[in-house]
């Protein structure tokens, strides 16, 4: 997470887009509860990582 936060804003957005596509492509029905809601970048990151713990683990390596 700290490495992502150190990236320039544009690259942080690209990471968020990648992570969002992974969540939407997954089979987790709960991942769609937040679709259509206006979230800040930080809120959206929280949603992505909360619903995709294995992704967080992979990024932590």
N, C-alpha and C. Protein backbone atom coordinates (compact mmCIF):
# COMPACT_ATOMS: atom_id res chain seq x y z
N UNK A 1 0.83 -1.19 0.00
CA UNK A 1 0.00 0.00 0.00
C UNK A 1 0.87 1.25 0.00
N UNK A 2 1.94 1.22 0.78
CA UNK A 2 2.79 2.40 0.86
C UNK A 2 3.45 2.69 -0.49
N UNK A 3 3.80 1.64 -1.20
CA UNK A 3 4.42 1.83 -2.51
C UNK A 3 3.43 2.45 -3.49
N UNK A 4 2.17 2.04 -3.40
CA UNK A 4 1.13 2.61 -4.26
C UNK A 4 0.94 4.08 -3.92
N UNK A 5 0.92 4.40 -2.64
CA UNK A 5 0.72 5.78 -2.21
C UNK A 5 1.87 6.69 -2.63
N UNK A 6 3.04 6.13 -2.83
CA UNK A 6 4.19 6.92 -3.25
C UNK A 6 4.21 7.18 -4.76
N UNK A 7 3.38 6.49 -5.51
CA UNK A 7 3.32 6.69 -6.96
C UNK A 7 2.70 8.05 -7.28
N UNK A 8 3.02 8.59 -8.46
CA UNK A 8 2.33 9.81 -8.91
C UNK A 8 0.83 9.54 -9.05
N UNK A 9 0.04 10.59 -8.97
CA UNK A 9 -1.43 10.44 -9.02
C UNK A 9 -1.90 9.64 -10.23
N UNK A 10 -1.33 9.91 -11.39
CA UNK A 10 -1.74 9.22 -12.62
C UNK A 10 -1.51 7.71 -12.50
N UNK A 11 -0.37 7.33 -11.96
CA UNK A 11 -0.08 5.90 -11.80
C UNK A 11 -0.97 5.26 -10.72
N UNK A 12 -1.30 6.02 -9.68
CA UNK A 12 -2.23 5.50 -8.68
C UNK A 12 -3.58 5.21 -9.33
N UNK A 13 -4.02 6.09 -10.19
CA UNK A 13 -5.29 5.88 -10.90
C UNK A 13 -5.22 4.63 -11.75
N UNK A 14 -4.10 4.40 -12.43
CA UNK A 14 -3.94 3.22 -13.27
C UNK A 14 -3.99 1.95 -12.43
N UNK A 15 -3.38 1.97 -11.25
CA UNK A 15 -3.43 0.82 -10.35
C UNK A 15 -4.87 0.59 -9.92
N UNK A 16 -5.56 1.66 -9.58
CA UNK A 16 -6.97 1.52 -9.16
C UNK A 16 -7.82 0.92 -10.28
N UNK A 17 -7.62 1.38 -11.50
CA UNK A 17 -8.38 0.84 -12.63
C UNK A 17 -8.10 -0.64 -12.80
N UNK A 18 -6.84 -1.03 -12.72
CA UNK A 18 -6.48 -2.44 -12.83
C UNK A 18 -7.16 -3.26 -11.74
N UNK A 19 -7.10 -2.78 -10.51
CA UNK A 19 -7.70 -3.51 -9.40
C UNK A 19 -9.22 -3.59 -9.53
N UNK A 20 -9.82 -2.51 -9.99
CA UNK A 20 -11.27 -2.50 -10.18
C UNK A 20 -11.68 -3.52 -11.23
N UNK A 21 -10.93 -3.60 -12.32
CA UNK A 21 -11.23 -4.59 -13.37
C UNK A 21 -11.13 -6.00 -12.81
N UNK A 22 -10.15 -6.24 -11.94
CA UNK A 22 -10.00 -7.57 -11.33
C UNK A 22 -11.21 -7.88 -10.45
N UNK A 23 -11.67 -6.91 -9.70
CA UNK A 23 -12.82 -7.13 -8.83
C UNK A 23 -14.06 -7.41 -9.68
N UNK A 24 -14.28 -6.60 -10.70
CA UNK A 24 -15.46 -6.78 -11.54
C UNK A 24 -15.41 -8.08 -12.31
N UNK A 25 -14.22 -8.54 -12.63
CA UNK A 25 -14.08 -9.79 -13.35
C UNK A 25 -14.24 -11.01 -12.47
N UNK A 26 -14.16 -10.79 -11.16
CA UNK A 26 -14.28 -11.90 -10.21
C UNK A 26 -15.72 -12.36 -10.09
N UNK A 27 -15.90 -13.43 -9.37
CA UNK A 27 -17.23 -14.00 -9.20
C UNK A 27 -17.85 -13.63 -7.86
N UNK A 28 -17.26 -12.67 -7.18
CA UNK A 28 -17.75 -12.26 -5.87
C UNK A 28 -18.98 -11.37 -6.05
N UNK A 29 -20.15 -11.86 -5.67
CA UNK A 29 -21.39 -11.10 -5.83
C UNK A 29 -21.39 -9.83 -4.99
N UNK A 30 -20.72 -9.85 -3.84
CA UNK A 30 -20.69 -8.68 -2.97
C UNK A 30 -19.90 -7.53 -3.58
N UNK A 31 -19.04 -7.82 -4.54
CA UNK A 31 -18.19 -6.79 -5.13
C UNK A 31 -19.03 -5.76 -5.89
N UNK A 32 -20.22 -6.11 -6.28
CA UNK A 32 -21.03 -5.21 -7.09
C UNK A 32 -21.92 -4.29 -6.26
N UNK A 33 -21.91 -4.44 -4.93
CA UNK A 33 -22.77 -3.61 -4.08
C UNK A 33 -22.42 -2.13 -4.19
N UNK A 34 -21.18 -1.81 -4.45
CA UNK A 34 -20.73 -0.41 -4.46
C UNK A 34 -20.77 0.19 -5.85
N UNK A 35 -21.11 -0.58 -6.87
CA UNK A 35 -21.16 -0.04 -8.22
C UNK A 35 -22.19 1.07 -8.33
N UNK A 36 -21.84 2.12 -9.03
CA UNK A 36 -22.75 3.24 -9.23
C UNK A 36 -22.71 4.27 -8.11
N UNK A 37 -21.98 3.98 -7.04
CA UNK A 37 -21.88 4.94 -5.95
C UNK A 37 -20.67 5.83 -6.18
N UNK A 38 -20.77 7.06 -5.76
CA UNK A 38 -19.65 7.99 -5.88
C UNK A 38 -18.74 7.79 -4.67
N UNK A 39 -17.54 7.30 -4.94
CA UNK A 39 -16.57 7.07 -3.88
C UNK A 39 -15.32 7.89 -4.16
N UNK A 40 -14.66 8.31 -3.10
CA UNK A 40 -13.37 8.95 -3.28
C UNK A 40 -12.37 7.87 -3.66
N UNK A 41 -11.21 8.28 -4.11
CA UNK A 41 -10.17 7.32 -4.47
C UNK A 41 -9.85 6.43 -3.27
N UNK A 42 -9.71 7.03 -2.09
CA UNK A 42 -9.37 6.27 -0.89
C UNK A 42 -10.48 5.29 -0.53
N UNK A 43 -11.73 5.71 -0.62
CA UNK A 43 -12.85 4.82 -0.32
C UNK A 43 -12.89 3.65 -1.30
N UNK A 44 -12.66 3.96 -2.57
CA UNK A 44 -12.68 2.91 -3.58
C UNK A 44 -11.56 1.90 -3.33
N UNK A 45 -10.38 2.38 -2.95
CA UNK A 45 -9.27 1.48 -2.64
C UNK A 45 -9.64 0.58 -1.47
N UNK A 46 -10.28 1.15 -0.46
CA UNK A 46 -10.71 0.34 0.69
C UNK A 46 -11.65 -0.77 0.24
N UNK A 47 -12.58 -0.44 -0.64
CA UNK A 47 -13.53 -1.44 -1.14
C UNK A 47 -12.79 -2.54 -1.89
N UNK A 48 -11.91 -2.14 -2.79
CA UNK A 48 -11.18 -3.11 -3.60
C UNK A 48 -10.39 -4.06 -2.72
N UNK A 49 -9.64 -3.52 -1.77
CA UNK A 49 -8.81 -4.38 -0.94
C UNK A 49 -9.62 -5.18 0.07
N UNK A 50 -10.71 -4.63 0.56
CA UNK A 50 -11.55 -5.37 1.51
C UNK A 50 -12.18 -6.57 0.82
N UNK A 51 -12.58 -6.41 -0.42
CA UNK A 51 -13.26 -7.48 -1.15
C UNK A 51 -12.30 -8.38 -1.91
N UNK A 52 -11.03 -8.08 -1.86
CA UNK A 52 -10.06 -8.83 -2.64
C UNK A 52 -8.78 -9.04 -1.81
N UNK A 53 -8.93 -9.68 -0.68
CA UNK A 53 -7.80 -9.86 0.25
C UNK A 53 -6.63 -10.58 -0.40
N UNK A 54 -6.89 -11.54 -1.30
CA UNK A 54 -5.79 -12.26 -1.95
C UNK A 54 -4.97 -11.31 -2.82
N UNK A 55 -5.62 -10.31 -3.39
CA UNK A 55 -4.91 -9.32 -4.18
C UNK A 55 -4.00 -8.48 -3.28
N UNK A 56 -4.50 -8.09 -2.13
CA UNK A 56 -3.68 -7.35 -1.17
C UNK A 56 -2.46 -8.16 -0.76
N UNK A 57 -2.66 -9.45 -0.52
CA UNK A 57 -1.55 -10.33 -0.15
C UNK A 57 -0.52 -10.39 -1.26
N UNK A 58 -0.98 -10.48 -2.49
CA UNK A 58 -0.05 -10.55 -3.63
C UNK A 58 0.73 -9.25 -3.77
N UNK A 59 0.07 -8.12 -3.57
CA UNK A 59 0.75 -6.83 -3.68
C UNK A 59 1.74 -6.62 -2.53
N UNK A 60 1.47 -7.22 -1.39
CA UNK A 60 2.34 -7.06 -0.24
C UNK A 60 3.67 -7.80 -0.43
N UNK A 61 3.69 -8.77 -1.34
CA UNK A 61 4.92 -9.55 -1.57
C UNK A 61 5.87 -8.74 -2.31
